[in-house]
Amino acid sequence: MNMSVAEYVREYCVQFALTDHIWLGHRVRETRQTAGGWTLHVETGSGGTKQQLSCAHLAVCTGHHATPNIPSFPGIHTFPGQVTHPTMTAGSQSSHTSFTSKANNSTPPRICA
């Protein structure tokens, strides 16, 4: 059977009744670990409504095939190294293959978002 990743995930969620527990189109703006689990600050996809949620467990599923979303944080523009994302394609300047350079070289440090 030849099935796309999206079809597989969709069928899995239906089979195990997970679809009502999955929210799509939200941006997680902040996560904080608490004594009882996690607190999340999210924005909804429609209108950017902000919500605070609590949960016992947190799974970070950024998506291997997703469009890169590199967060902005203080110092990112003055960082002397290379900032990249795991989904950068091979052959681009930020390719994952650039992480395989030889040890003890003079390349500056990198941040992978």
PDB file of N, CA and C in Angstrom:
ATOM      1  N   MET A   1       0.848  -1.176   0.000  1.00  0.00           N
ATOM      2  CA  MET A   1       0.000   0.000   0.000  1.00  0.00           C
ATOM      3  C   MET A   1       0.893   1.239   0.000  1.00  0.00           C
ATOM      4  N   ASN A   2       0.648   2.146  -0.916  1.00  0.00           N
ATOM      5  CA  ASN A   2       1.395   3.388  -0.998  1.00  0.00           C
ATOM      6  C   ASN A   2       0.523   4.501  -0.426  1.00  0.00           C
ATOM      7  N   MET A   3       0.928   5.049   0.698  1.00  0.00           N
ATOM      8  CA  MET A   3       0.097   6.025   1.395  1.00  0.00           C
ATOM      9  C   MET A   3       0.963   7.223   1.782  1.00  0.00           C
ATOM     10  N   SER A   4       0.423   8.412   1.648  1.00  0.00           N
ATOM     11  CA  SER A   4       1.177   9.593   2.058  1.00  0.00           C
ATOM     12  C   SER A   4       1.219   9.669   3.581  1.00  0.00           C
ATOM     13  N   VAL A   5       2.144  10.435   4.094  1.00  0.00           N
ATOM     14  CA  VAL A   5       2.258  10.611   5.540  1.00  0.00           C
ATOM     15  C   VAL A   5       0.968  11.202   6.096  1.00  0.00           C
ATOM     16  N   ALA A   6       0.410  12.181   5.413  1.00  0.00           N
ATOM     17  CA  ALA A   6      -0.822  12.820   5.878  1.00  0.00           C
ATOM     18  C   ALA A   6      -1.974  11.820   5.940  1.00  0.00           C
ATOM     19  N   GLU A   7      -2.088  10.967   4.933  1.00  0.00           N
ATOM     20  CA  GLU A   7      -3.148   9.955   4.939  1.00  0.00           C
ATOM     21  C   GLU A   7      -2.963   8.975   6.089  1.00  0.00           C
ATOM     22  N   TYR A   8      -1.735   8.566   6.316  1.00  0.00           N
ATOM     23  CA  TYR A   8      -1.445   7.638   7.412  1.00  0.00           C
ATOM     24  C   TYR A   8      -1.846   8.250   8.753  1.00  0.00           C
ATOM     25  N   VAL A   9      -1.419   9.484   9.007  1.00  0.00           N
ATOM     26  CA  VAL A   9      -1.725  10.146  10.270  1.00  0.00           C
ATOM     27  C   VAL A   9      -3.228  10.330  10.427  1.00  0.00           C
ATOM     28  N   ARG A  10      -3.894  10.728   9.360  1.00  0.00           N
ATOM     29  CA  ARG A  10      -5.350  10.922   9.398  1.00  0.00           C
ATOM     30  C   ARG A  10      -6.057   9.605   9.756  1.00  0.00           C
ATOM     31  N   GLU A  11      -5.686   8.513   9.120  1.00  0.00           N
ATOM     32  CA  GLU A  11      -6.297   7.212   9.404  1.00  0.00           C
ATOM     33  C   GLU A  11      -5.995   6.743  10.826  1.00  0.00           C
ATOM     34  N   TYR A  12      -4.786   6.977  11.280  1.00  0.00           N
ATOM     35  CA  TYR A  12      -4.394   6.596  12.646  1.00  0.00           C
ATOM     36  C   TYR A  12      -5.256   7.351  13.660  1.00  0.00           C
ATOM     37  N   CYS A  13      -5.425   8.644  13.452  1.00  0.00           N
ATOM     38  CA  CYS A  13      -6.219   9.468  14.366  1.00  0.00           C
ATOM     39  C   CYS A  13      -7.676   9.033  14.393  1.00  0.00           C
ATOM     40  N   VAL A  14      -8.227   8.684  13.242  1.00  0.00           N
ATOM     41  CA  VAL A  14      -9.607   8.207  13.182  1.00  0.00           C
ATOM     42  C   VAL A  14      -9.721   6.875  13.920  1.00  0.00           C
ATOM     43  N   GLN A  15      -8.796   5.957  13.652  1.00  0.00           N
ATOM     44  CA  GLN A  15      -8.848   4.630  14.261  1.00  0.00           C
ATOM     45  C   GLN A  15      -8.808   4.693  15.784  1.00  0.00           C
ATOM     46  N   PHE A  16      -8.008   5.609  16.339  1.00  0.00           N
ATOM     47  CA  PHE A  16      -7.856   5.689  17.789  1.00  0.00           C
ATOM     48  C   PHE A  16      -8.615   6.871  18.413  1.00  0.00           C
ATOM     49  N   ALA A  17      -9.572   7.434  17.670  1.00  0.00           N
ATOM     50  CA  ALA A  17     -10.441   8.521  18.159  1.00  0.00           C
ATOM     51  C   ALA A  17      -9.643   9.694  18.729  1.00  0.00           C
ATOM     52  N   LEU A  18      -8.649  10.126  17.990  1.00  0.00           N
ATOM     53  CA  LEU A  18      -7.793  11.223  18.442  1.00  0.00           C
ATOM     54  C   LEU A  18      -8.146  12.573  17.821  1.00  0.00           C
ATOM     55  N   THR A  19      -8.943  12.579  16.783  1.00  0.00           N
ATOM     56  CA  THR A  19      -9.166  13.815  16.028  1.00  0.00           C
ATOM     57  C   THR A  19      -9.760  14.939  16.873  1.00  0.00           C
ATOM     58  N   ASP A  20     -10.585  14.622  17.859  1.00  0.00           N
ATOM     59  CA  ASP A  20     -11.164  15.668  18.710  1.00  0.00           C
ATOM     60  C   ASP A  20     -10.161  16.264  19.684  1.00  0.00           C
ATOM     61  N   HIS A  21      -8.992  15.642  19.794  1.00  0.00           N
ATOM     62  CA  HIS A  21      -7.975  16.101  20.748  1.00  0.00           C
ATOM     63  C   HIS A  21      -6.806  16.807  20.063  1.00  0.00           C
ATOM     64  N   ILE A  22      -6.908  17.001  18.772  1.00  0.00           N
ATOM     65  CA  ILE A  22      -5.824  17.627  18.010  1.00  0.00           C
ATOM     66  C   ILE A  22      -6.297  18.969  17.476  1.00  0.00           C
ATOM     67  N   TRP A  23      -5.521  19.988  17.723  1.00  0.00           N
ATOM     68  CA  TRP A  23      -5.836  21.329  17.246  1.00  0.00           C
ATOM     69  C   TRP A  23      -4.832  21.689  16.166  1.00  0.00           C
ATOM     70  N   LEU A  24      -5.322  22.063  15.014  1.00  0.00           N
ATOM     71  CA  LEU A  24      -4.459  22.480  13.918  1.00  0.00           C
ATOM     72  C   LEU A  24      -4.552  23.998  13.757  1.00  0.00           C
ATOM     73  N   GLY A  25      -3.540  24.583  13.148  1.00  0.00           N
ATOM     74  CA  GLY A  25      -3.565  26.016  12.867  1.00  0.00           C
ATOM     75  C   GLY A  25      -3.333  26.896  14.078  1.00  0.00           C
ATOM     76  N   HIS A  26      -2.674  26.380  15.092  1.00  0.00           N
ATOM     77  CA  HIS A  26      -2.351  27.171  16.275  1.00  0.00           C
ATOM     78  C   HIS A  26      -0.844  27.394  16.328  1.00  0.00           C
ATOM     79  N   ARG A  27      -0.447  28.504  16.906  1.00  0.00           N
ATOM     80  CA  ARG A  27       0.978  28.778  17.112  1.00  0.00           C
ATOM     81  C   ARG A  27       1.249  28.771  18.610  1.00  0.00           C
ATOM     82  N   VAL A  28       2.186  27.957  19.012  1.00  0.00           N
ATOM     83  CA  VAL A  28       2.594  27.931  20.414  1.00  0.00           C
ATOM     84  C   VAL A  28       3.631  29.027  20.584  1.00  0.00           C
ATOM     85  N   ARG A  29       3.307  29.989  21.411  1.00  0.00           N
ATOM     86  CA  ARG A  29       4.198  31.136  21.621  1.00  0.00           C
ATOM     87  C   ARG A  29       5.123  30.955  22.814  1.00  0.00           C
ATOM     88  N   GLU A  30       4.699  30.117  23.771  1.00  0.00           N
ATOM     89  CA  GLU A  30       5.528  29.915  24.962  1.00  0.00           C
ATOM     90  C   GLU A  30       5.103  28.625  25.646  1.00  0.00           C
ATOM     91  N   THR A  31       6.057  27.896  26.187  1.00  0.00           N
ATOM     92  CA  THR A  31       5.777  26.733  27.028  1.00  0.00           C
ATOM     93  C   THR A  31       6.573  26.878  28.310  1.00  0.00           C
ATOM     94  N   ARG A  32       5.962  26.478  29.400  1.00  0.00           N
ATOM     95  CA  ARG A  32       6.658  26.495  30.695  1.00  0.00           C
ATOM     96  C   ARG A  32       6.322  25.212  31.430  1.00  0.00           C
ATOM     97  N   GLN A  33       7.361  24.547  31.914  1.00  0.00           N
ATOM     98  CA  GLN A  33       7.132  23.348  32.698  1.00  0.00           C
ATOM     99  C   GLN A  33       6.734  23.753  34.104  1.00  0.00           C
ATOM    100  N   THR A  34       5.701  23.119  34.624  1.00  0.00           N
ATOM    101  CA  THR A  34       5.200  23.394  35.967  1.00  0.00           C
ATOM    102  C   THR A  34       5.286  22.120  36.793  1.00  0.00           C
ATOM    103  N   ALA A  35       4.963  22.217  38.070  1.00  0.00           N
ATOM    104  CA  ALA A  35       4.995  21.040  38.941  1.00  0.00           C
ATOM    105  C   ALA A  35       4.019  19.965  38.456  1.00  0.00           C
ATOM    106  N   GLY A  36       2.905  20.377  37.865  1.00  0.00           N
ATOM    107  CA  GLY A  36       1.894  19.420  37.421  1.00  0.00           C
ATOM    108  C   GLY A  36       1.938  19.095  35.939  1.00  0.00           C
ATOM    109  N   GLY A  37       2.887  19.621  35.198  1.00  0.00           N
ATOM    110  CA  GLY A  37       2.952  19.361  33.759  1.00  0.00           C
ATOM    111  C   GLY A  37       3.476  20.556  32.985  1.00  0.00           C
ATOM    112  N   TRP A  38       2.609  21.141  32.145  1.00  0.00           N
ATOM    113  CA  TRP A  38       3.027  22.224  31.257  1.00  0.00           C
ATOM    114  C   TRP A  38       1.953  23.301  31.166  1.00  0.00           C
ATOM    115  N   THR A  39       2.386  24.541  31.007  1.00  0.00           N
ATOM    116  CA  THR A  39       1.502  25.656  30.673  1.00  0.00           C
ATOM    117  C   THR A  39       1.928  26.156  29.308  1.00  0.00           C
ATOM    118  N   LEU A  40       0.962  26.331  28.415  1.00  0.00           N
ATOM    119  CA  LEU A  40       1.238  26.783  27.059  1.00  0.00           C
ATOM    120  C   LEU A  40       0.489  28.078  26.783  1.00  0.00           C
ATOM    121  N   HIS A  41       1.140  28.978  26.068  1.00  0.00           N
ATOM    122  CA  HIS A  41       0.504  30.194  25.571  1.00  0.00           C
ATOM    123  C   HIS A  41       0.417  30.019  24.062  1.00  0.00           C
ATOM    124  N   VAL A  42      -0.808  30.000  23.535  1.00  0.00           N
ATOM    125  CA  VAL A  42      -1.016  29.742  22.112  1.00  0.00           C
ATOM    126  C   VAL A  42      -1.866  30.834  21.488  1.00  0.00           C
ATOM    127  N   GLU A  43      -1.759  30.940  20.169  1.00  0.00           N
ATOM    128  CA  GLU A  43      -2.621  31.821  19.373  1.00  0.00           C
ATOM    129  C   GLU A  43      -3.356  30.952  18.375  1.00  0.00           C
ATOM    130  N   THR A  44      -4.641  31.200  18.224  1.00  0.00           N
ATOM    131  CA  THR A  44      -5.418  30.430  17.262  1.00  0.00           C
ATOM    132  C   THR A  44      -5.101  30.897  15.849  1.00  0.00           C
ATOM    133  N   GLY A  45      -5.312  30.012  14.890  1.00  0.00           N
ATOM    134  CA  GLY A  45      -5.038  30.333  13.498  1.00  0.00           C
ATOM    135  C   GLY A  45      -5.969  31.385  12.943  1.00  0.00           C
ATOM    136  N   SER A  46      -7.200  31.414  13.430  1.00  0.00           N
ATOM    137  CA  SER A  46      -8.169  32.381  12.905  1.00  0.00           C
ATOM    138  C   SER A  46      -8.283  33.564  13.858  1.00  0.00           C
ATOM    139  N   GLY A  47      -7.692  34.666  13.482  1.00  0.00           N
ATOM    140  CA  GLY A  47      -7.792  35.882  14.281  1.00  0.00           C
ATOM    141  C   GLY A  47      -6.713  36.074  15.321  1.00  0.00           C
ATOM    142  N   GLY A  48      -5.896  35.071  15.563  1.00  0.00           N
ATOM    143  CA  GLY A  48      -4.805  35.228  16.514  1.00  0.00           C
ATOM    144  C   GLY A  48      -5.242  35.356  17.956  1.00  0.00           C
ATOM    145  N   THR A  49      -6.405  34.798  18.318  1.00  0.00           N
ATOM    146  CA  THR A  49      -6.880  34.847  19.698  1.00  0.00           C
ATOM    147  C   THR A  49      -5.890  34.117  20.595  1.00  0.00           C
ATOM    148  N   LYS A  50      -5.513  34.750  21.700  1.00  0.00           N
ATOM    149  CA  LYS A  50      -4.534  34.174  22.615  1.00  0.00           C
ATOM    150  C   LYS A  50      -5.239  33.361  23.697  1.00  0.00           C
ATOM    151  N   GLN A  51      -4.648  32.205  24.009  1.00  0.00           N
ATOM    152  CA  GLN A  51      -5.182  31.330  25.041  1.00  0.00           C
ATOM    153  C   GLN A  51      -4.042  30.792  25.885  1.00  0.00           C
ATOM    154  N   GLN A  52      -4.357  30.476  27.145  1.00  0.00           N
ATOM    155  CA  GLN A  52      -3.403  29.785  28.004  1.00  0.00           C
ATOM    156  C   GLN A  52      -3.993  28.414  28.299  1.00  0.00           C
ATOM    157  N   LEU A  53      -3.213  27.375  28.083  1.00  0.00           N
ATOM    158  CA  LEU A  53      -3.659  26.004  28.283  1.00  0.00           C
ATOM    159  C   LEU A  53      -2.734  25.294  29.253  1.00  0.00           C
ATOM    160  N   SER A  54      -3.258  24.300  29.934  1.00  0.00           N
ATOM    161  CA  SER A  54      -2.457  23.464  30.820  1.00  0.00           C
ATOM    162  C   SER A  54      -2.601  22.020  30.378  1.00  0.00           C
ATOM    163  N   CYS A  55      -1.524  21.263  30.517  1.00  0.00           N
ATOM    164  CA  CYS A  55      -1.572  19.846  30.154  1.00  0.00           C
ATOM    165  C   CYS A  55      -0.551  19.078  30.989  1.00  0.00           C
ATOM    166  N   ALA A  56      -0.800  17.779  31.112  1.00  0.00           N
ATOM    167  CA  ALA A  56       0.105  16.931  31.878  1.00  0.00           C
ATOM    168  C   ALA A  56       1.348  16.565  31.083  1.00  0.00           C
ATOM    169  N   HIS A  57       1.179  16.406  29.757  1.00  0.00           N
ATOM    170  CA  HIS A  57       2.280  15.992  28.891  1.00  0.00           C
ATOM    171  C   HIS A  57       2.324  16.892  27.667  1.00  0.00           C
ATOM    172  N   LEU A  58       3.497  17.063  27.102  1.00  0.00           N
ATOM    173  CA  LEU A  58       3.673  17.907  25.920  1.00  0.00           C
ATOM    174  C   LEU A  58       4.488  17.153  24.883  1.00  0.00           C
ATOM    175  N   ALA A  59       3.942  17.018  23.689  1.00  0.00           N
ATOM    176  CA  ALA A  59       4.670  16.420  22.572  1.00  0.00           C
ATOM    177  C   ALA A  59       4.963  17.537  21.578  1.00  0.00           C
ATOM    178  N   VAL A  60       6.217  17.716  21.224  1.00  0.00           N
ATOM    179  CA  VAL A  60       6.605  18.739  20.269  1.00  0.00           C
ATOM    180  C   VAL A  60       6.712  18.069  18.900  1.00  0.00           C
ATOM    181  N   CYS A  61       5.750  18.373  18.031  1.00  0.00           N
ATOM    182  CA  CYS A  61       5.661  17.752  16.704  1.00  0.00           C
ATOM    183  C   CYS A  61       5.773  18.851  15.664  1.00  0.00           C
ATOM    184  N   THR A  62       6.993  19.231  15.365  1.00  0.00           N
ATOM    185  CA  THR A  62       7.218  20.363  14.482  1.00  0.00           C
ATOM    186  C   THR A  62       7.016  20.028  13.019  1.00  0.00           C
ATOM    187  N   GLY A  63       7.073  18.787  12.681  1.00  0.00           N
ATOM    188  CA  GLY A  63       6.848  18.398  11.297  1.00  0.00           C
ATOM    189  C   GLY A  63       8.120  18.391  10.486  1.00  0.00           C
ATOM    190  N   HIS A  64       8.573  17.224  10.117  1.00  0.00           N
ATOM    191  CA  HIS A  64       9.803  17.079   9.335  1.00  0.00           C
ATOM    192  C   HIS A  64       9.687  17.766   7.979  1.00  0.00           C
ATOM    193  N   HIS A  65       8.482  17.796   7.425  1.00  0.00           N
ATOM    194  CA  HIS A  65       8.287  18.360   6.094  1.00  0.00           C
ATOM    195  C   HIS A  65       7.656  19.751   6.148  1.00  0.00           C
ATOM    196  N   ALA A  66       7.688  20.390   7.286  1.00  0.00           N
ATOM    197  CA  ALA A  66       7.056  21.692   7.463  1.00  0.00           C
ATOM    198  C   ALA A  66       7.898  22.815   6.869  1.00  0.00           C
ATOM    199  N   THR A  67       7.259  23.939   6.622  1.00  0.00           N
ATOM    200  CA  THR A  67       7.965  25.147   6.201  1.00  0.00           C
ATOM    201  C   THR A  67       8.730  25.681   7.407  1.00  0.00           C
ATOM    202  N   PRO A  68       9.995  26.016   7.265  1.00  0.00           N
ATOM    203  CA  PRO A  68      10.771  26.493   8.407  1.00  0.00           C
ATOM    204  C   PRO A  68      10.134  27.700   9.094  1.00  0.00           C
ATOM    205  N   ASN A  69      10.096  27.658  10.398  1.00  0.00           N
ATOM    206  CA  ASN A  69       9.615  28.765  11.214  1.00  0.00           C
ATOM    207  C   ASN A  69      10.701  29.035  12.246  1.00  0.00           C
ATOM    208  N   ILE A  70      11.617  29.910  11.907  1.00  0.00           N
ATOM    209  CA  ILE A  70      12.728  30.213  12.796  1.00  0.00           C
ATOM    210  C   ILE A  70      12.306  31.350  13.716  1.00  0.00           C
ATOM    211  N   PRO A  71      12.269  31.074  15.024  1.00  0.00           N
ATOM    212  CA  PRO A  71      11.811  32.097  15.967  1.00  0.00           C
ATOM    213  C   PRO A  71      12.802  33.249  16.076  1.00  0.00           C
ATOM    214  N   SER A  72      12.295  34.383  16.475  1.00  0.00           N
ATOM    215  CA  SER A  72      13.145  35.544  16.713  1.00  0.00           C
ATOM    216  C   SER A  72      13.424  35.617  18.212  1.00  0.00           C
ATOM    217  N   PHE A  73      14.653  35.859  18.566  1.00  0.00           N
ATOM    218  CA  PHE A  73      15.013  36.008  19.968  1.00  0.00           C
ATOM    219  C   PHE A  73      16.185  36.975  20.068  1.00  0.00           C
ATOM    220  N   PRO A  74      16.380  37.594  21.234  1.00  0.00           N
ATOM    221  CA  PRO A  74      17.462  38.562  21.381  1.00  0.00           C
ATOM    222  C   PRO A  74      18.813  37.956  21.009  1.00  0.00           C
ATOM    223  N   GLY A  75      19.551  38.658  20.168  1.00  0.00           N
ATOM    224  CA  GLY A  75      20.881  38.235  19.779  1.00  0.00           C
ATOM    225  C   GLY A  75      20.944  37.433  18.497  1.00  0.00           C
ATOM    226  N   ILE A  76      19.809  37.060  17.923  1.00  0.00           N
ATOM    227  CA  ILE A  76      19.827  36.228  16.715  1.00  0.00           C
ATOM    228  C   ILE A  76      20.505  36.957  15.551  1.00  0.00           C
ATOM    229  N   HIS A  77      20.337  38.272  15.465  1.00  0.00           N
ATOM    230  CA  HIS A  77      20.894  39.019  14.336  1.00  0.00           C
ATOM    231  C   HIS A  77      22.381  39.338  14.509  1.00  0.00           C
ATOM    232  N   THR A  78      22.882  39.215  15.736  1.00  0.00           N
ATOM    233  CA  THR A  78      24.303  39.482  15.975  1.00  0.00           C
ATOM    234  C   THR A  78      25.075  38.193  16.245  1.00  0.00           C
ATOM    235  N   PHE A  79      24.392  37.053  16.237  1.00  0.00           N
ATOM    236  CA  PHE A  79      25.038  35.761  16.443  1.00  0.00           C
ATOM    237  C   PHE A  79      26.048  35.536  15.320  1.00  0.00           C
ATOM    238  N   PRO A  80      27.308  35.205  15.645  1.00  0.00           N
ATOM    239  CA  PRO A  80      28.337  35.099  14.605  1.00  0.00           C
ATOM    240  C   PRO A  80      28.259  33.827  13.763  1.00  0.00           C
ATOM    241  N   GLY A  81      27.465  32.857  14.201  1.00  0.00           N
ATOM    242  CA  GLY A  81      27.388  31.589  13.477  1.00  0.00           C
ATOM    243  C   GLY A  81      26.209  31.530  12.531  1.00  0.00           C
ATOM    244  N   GLN A  82      25.889  30.329  12.134  1.00  0.00           N
ATOM    245  CA  GLN A  82      24.829  30.082  11.166  1.00  0.00           C
ATOM    246  C   GLN A  82      23.570  29.641  11.901  1.00  0.00           C
ATOM    247  N   VAL A  83      22.438  30.256  11.598  1.00  0.00           N
ATOM    248  CA  VAL A  83      21.151  29.858  12.144  1.00  0.00           C
ATOM    249  C   VAL A  83      20.432  29.083  11.048  1.00  0.00           C
ATOM    250  N   THR A  84      19.957  27.892  11.370  1.00  0.00           N
ATOM    251  CA  THR A  84      19.329  27.046  10.363  1.00  0.00           C
ATOM    252  C   THR A  84      18.127  26.322  10.951  1.00  0.00           C
ATOM    253  N   HIS A  85      17.508  25.498  10.154  1.00  0.00           N
ATOM    254  CA  HIS A  85      16.317  24.746  10.531  1.00  0.00           C
ATOM    255  C   HIS A  85      16.442  23.351   9.925  1.00  0.00           C
ATOM    256  N   PRO A  86      15.998  22.315  10.618  1.00  0.00           N
ATOM    257  CA  PRO A  86      16.162  20.951  10.097  1.00  0.00           C
ATOM    258  C   PRO A  86      15.523  20.712   8.729  1.00  0.00           C
ATOM    259  N   THR A  87      14.561  21.518   8.334  1.00  0.00           N
ATOM    260  CA  THR A  87      13.899  21.282   7.049  1.00  0.00           C
ATOM    261  C   THR A  87      14.581  21.972   5.882  1.00  0.00           C
ATOM    262  N   MET A  88      15.687  22.652   6.137  1.00  0.00           N
ATOM    263  CA  MET A  88      16.407  23.272   5.025  1.00  0.00           C
ATOM    264  C   MET A  88      16.836  22.173   4.061  1.00  0.00           C
ATOM    265  N   THR A  89      16.712  22.428   2.772  1.00  0.00           N
ATOM    266  CA  THR A  89      16.965  21.377   1.786  1.00  0.00           C
ATOM    267  C   THR A  89      18.451  21.194   1.521  1.00  0.00           C
ATOM    268  N   ALA A  90      18.796  19.986   1.135  1.00  0.00           N
ATOM    269  CA  ALA A  90      20.186  19.694   0.773  1.00  0.00           C
ATOM    270  C   ALA A  90      20.582  20.575  -0.387  1.00  0.00           C
ATOM    271  N   GLY A  91      21.781  21.077  -0.345  1.00  0.00           N
ATOM    272  CA  GLY A  91      22.257  21.946  -1.410  1.00  0.00           C
ATOM    273  C   GLY A  91      22.109  23.418  -1.077  1.00  0.00           C
ATOM    274  N   SER A  92      21.257  23.749  -0.094  1.00  0.00           N
ATOM    275  CA  SER A  92      21.143  25.150   0.299  1.00  0.00           C
ATOM    276  C   SER A  92      22.283  25.464   1.265  1.00  0.00           C
ATOM    277  N   GLN A  93      22.499  26.733   1.513  1.00  0.00           N
ATOM    278  CA  GLN A  93      23.588  27.132   2.402  1.00  0.00           C
ATOM    279  C   GLN A  93      23.380  26.569   3.803  1.00  0.00           C
ATOM    280  N   SER A  94      22.112  26.394   4.212  1.00  0.00           N
ATOM    281  CA  SER A  94      21.808  25.919   5.555  1.00  0.00           C
ATOM    282  C   SER A  94      21.478  24.433   5.575  1.00  0.00           C
ATOM    283  N   SER A  95      21.968  23.692   4.637  1.00  0.00           N
ATOM    284  CA  SER A  95      21.667  22.268   4.524  1.00  0.00           C
ATOM    285  C   SER A  95      22.117  21.504   5.755  1.00  0.00           C
ATOM    286  N   HIS A  96      21.363  20.446   6.076  1.00  0.00           N
ATOM    287  CA  HIS A  96      21.758  19.590   7.191  1.00  0.00           C
ATOM    288  C   HIS A  96      23.126  18.965   6.963  1.00  0.00           C
ATOM    289  N   THR A  97      23.541  18.849   5.721  1.00  0.00           N
ATOM    290  CA  THR A  97      24.857  18.261   5.447  1.00  0.00           C
ATOM    291  C   THR A  97      25.977  19.158   5.953  1.00  0.00           C
ATOM    292  N   SER A  98      25.704  20.435   6.172  1.00  0.00           N
ATOM    293  CA  SER A  98      26.746  21.327   6.667  1.00  0.00           C
ATOM    294  C   SER A  98      27.095  21.028   8.121  1.00  0.00           C
ATOM    295  N   PHE A  99      26.280  20.222   8.812  1.00  0.00           N
ATOM    296  CA  PHE A  99      26.574  19.861  10.192  1.00  0.00           C
ATOM    297  C   PHE A  99      27.582  18.726  10.274  1.00  0.00           C
ATOM    298  N   THR A 100      27.928  18.151   9.147  1.00  0.00           N
ATOM    299  CA  THR A 100      28.837  17.010   9.147  1.00  0.00           C
ATOM    300  C   THR A 100      30.283  17.416   8.883  1.00  0.00           C
ATOM    301  N   SER A 101      30.587  18.702   9.024  1.00  0.00           N
ATOM    302  CA  SER A 101      31.956  19.150   8.766  1.00  0.00           C
ATOM    303  C   SER A 101      32.921  18.525   9.771  1.00  0.00           C
ATOM    304  N   LYS A 102      34.184  18.516   9.428  1.00  0.00           N
ATOM    305  CA  LYS A 102      35.204  17.872  10.241  1.00  0.00           C
ATOM    306  C   LYS A 102      35.334  18.535  11.613  1.00  0.00           C
ATOM    307  N   ALA A 103      35.675  17.714  12.609  1.00  0.00           N
ATOM    308  CA  ALA A 103      35.900  18.232  13.961  1.00  0.00           C
ATOM    309  C   ALA A 103      37.148  19.103  13.964  1.00  0.00           C
ATOM    310  N   ASN A 104      37.239  19.976  14.951  1.00  0.00           N
ATOM    311  CA  ASN A 104      38.391  20.854  15.148  1.00  0.00           C
ATOM    312  C   ASN A 104      38.607  21.831  13.996  1.00  0.00           C
ATOM    313  N   ASN A 105      37.555  22.189  13.303  1.00  0.00           N
ATOM    314  CA  ASN A 105      37.731  23.192  12.250  1.00  0.00           C
ATOM    315  C   ASN A 105      37.446  24.575  12.819  1.00  0.00           C
ATOM    316  N   SER A 106      37.527  25.577  12.008  1.00  0.00           N
ATOM    317  CA  SER A 106      37.375  26.949  12.497  1.00  0.00           C
ATOM    318  C   SER A 106      35.998  27.526  12.211  1.00  0.00           C
ATOM    319  N   THR A 107      35.017  26.683  11.885  1.00  0.00           N
ATOM    320  CA  THR A 107      33.685  27.209  11.598  1.00  0.00           C
ATOM    321  C   THR A 107      33.042  27.700  12.884  1.00  0.00           C
ATOM    322  N   PRO A 108      32.283  28.796  12.810  1.00  0.00           N
ATOM    323  CA  PRO A 108      31.646  29.345  14.013  1.00  0.00           C
ATOM    324  C   PRO A 108      30.520  28.426  14.484  1.00  0.00           C
ATOM    325  N   PRO A 109      30.075  28.592  15.710  1.00  0.00           N
ATOM    326  CA  PRO A 109      28.982  27.765  16.227  1.00  0.00           C
ATOM    327  C   PRO A 109      27.694  28.003  15.454  1.00  0.00           C
ATOM    328  N   ARG A 110      26.768  27.045  15.538  1.00  0.00           N
ATOM    329  CA  ARG A 110      25.492  27.138  14.834  1.00  0.00           C
ATOM    330  C   ARG A 110      24.351  27.030  15.826  1.00  0.00           C
ATOM    331  N   ILE A 111      23.204  27.582  15.429  1.00  0.00           N
ATOM    332  CA  ILE A 111      21.960  27.390  16.160  1.00  0.00           C
ATOM    333  C   ILE A 111      21.018  26.684  15.224  1.00  0.00           C
ATOM    334  N   CYS A 112      20.393  25.629  15.702  1.00  0.00           N
ATOM    335  CA  CYS A 112      19.393  24.919  14.912  1.00  0.00           C
ATOM    336  C   CYS A 112      18.052  25.138  15.595  1.00  0.00           C
ATOM    337  N   ALA A 113      17.152  25.857  14.921  1.00  0.00           N
ATOM    338  CA  ALA A 113      15.841  26.176  15.523  1.00  0.00           C
ATOM    339  C   ALA A 113      14.835  25.113  15.187  1.00  0.00           C
TER     340      ALA A 113
END
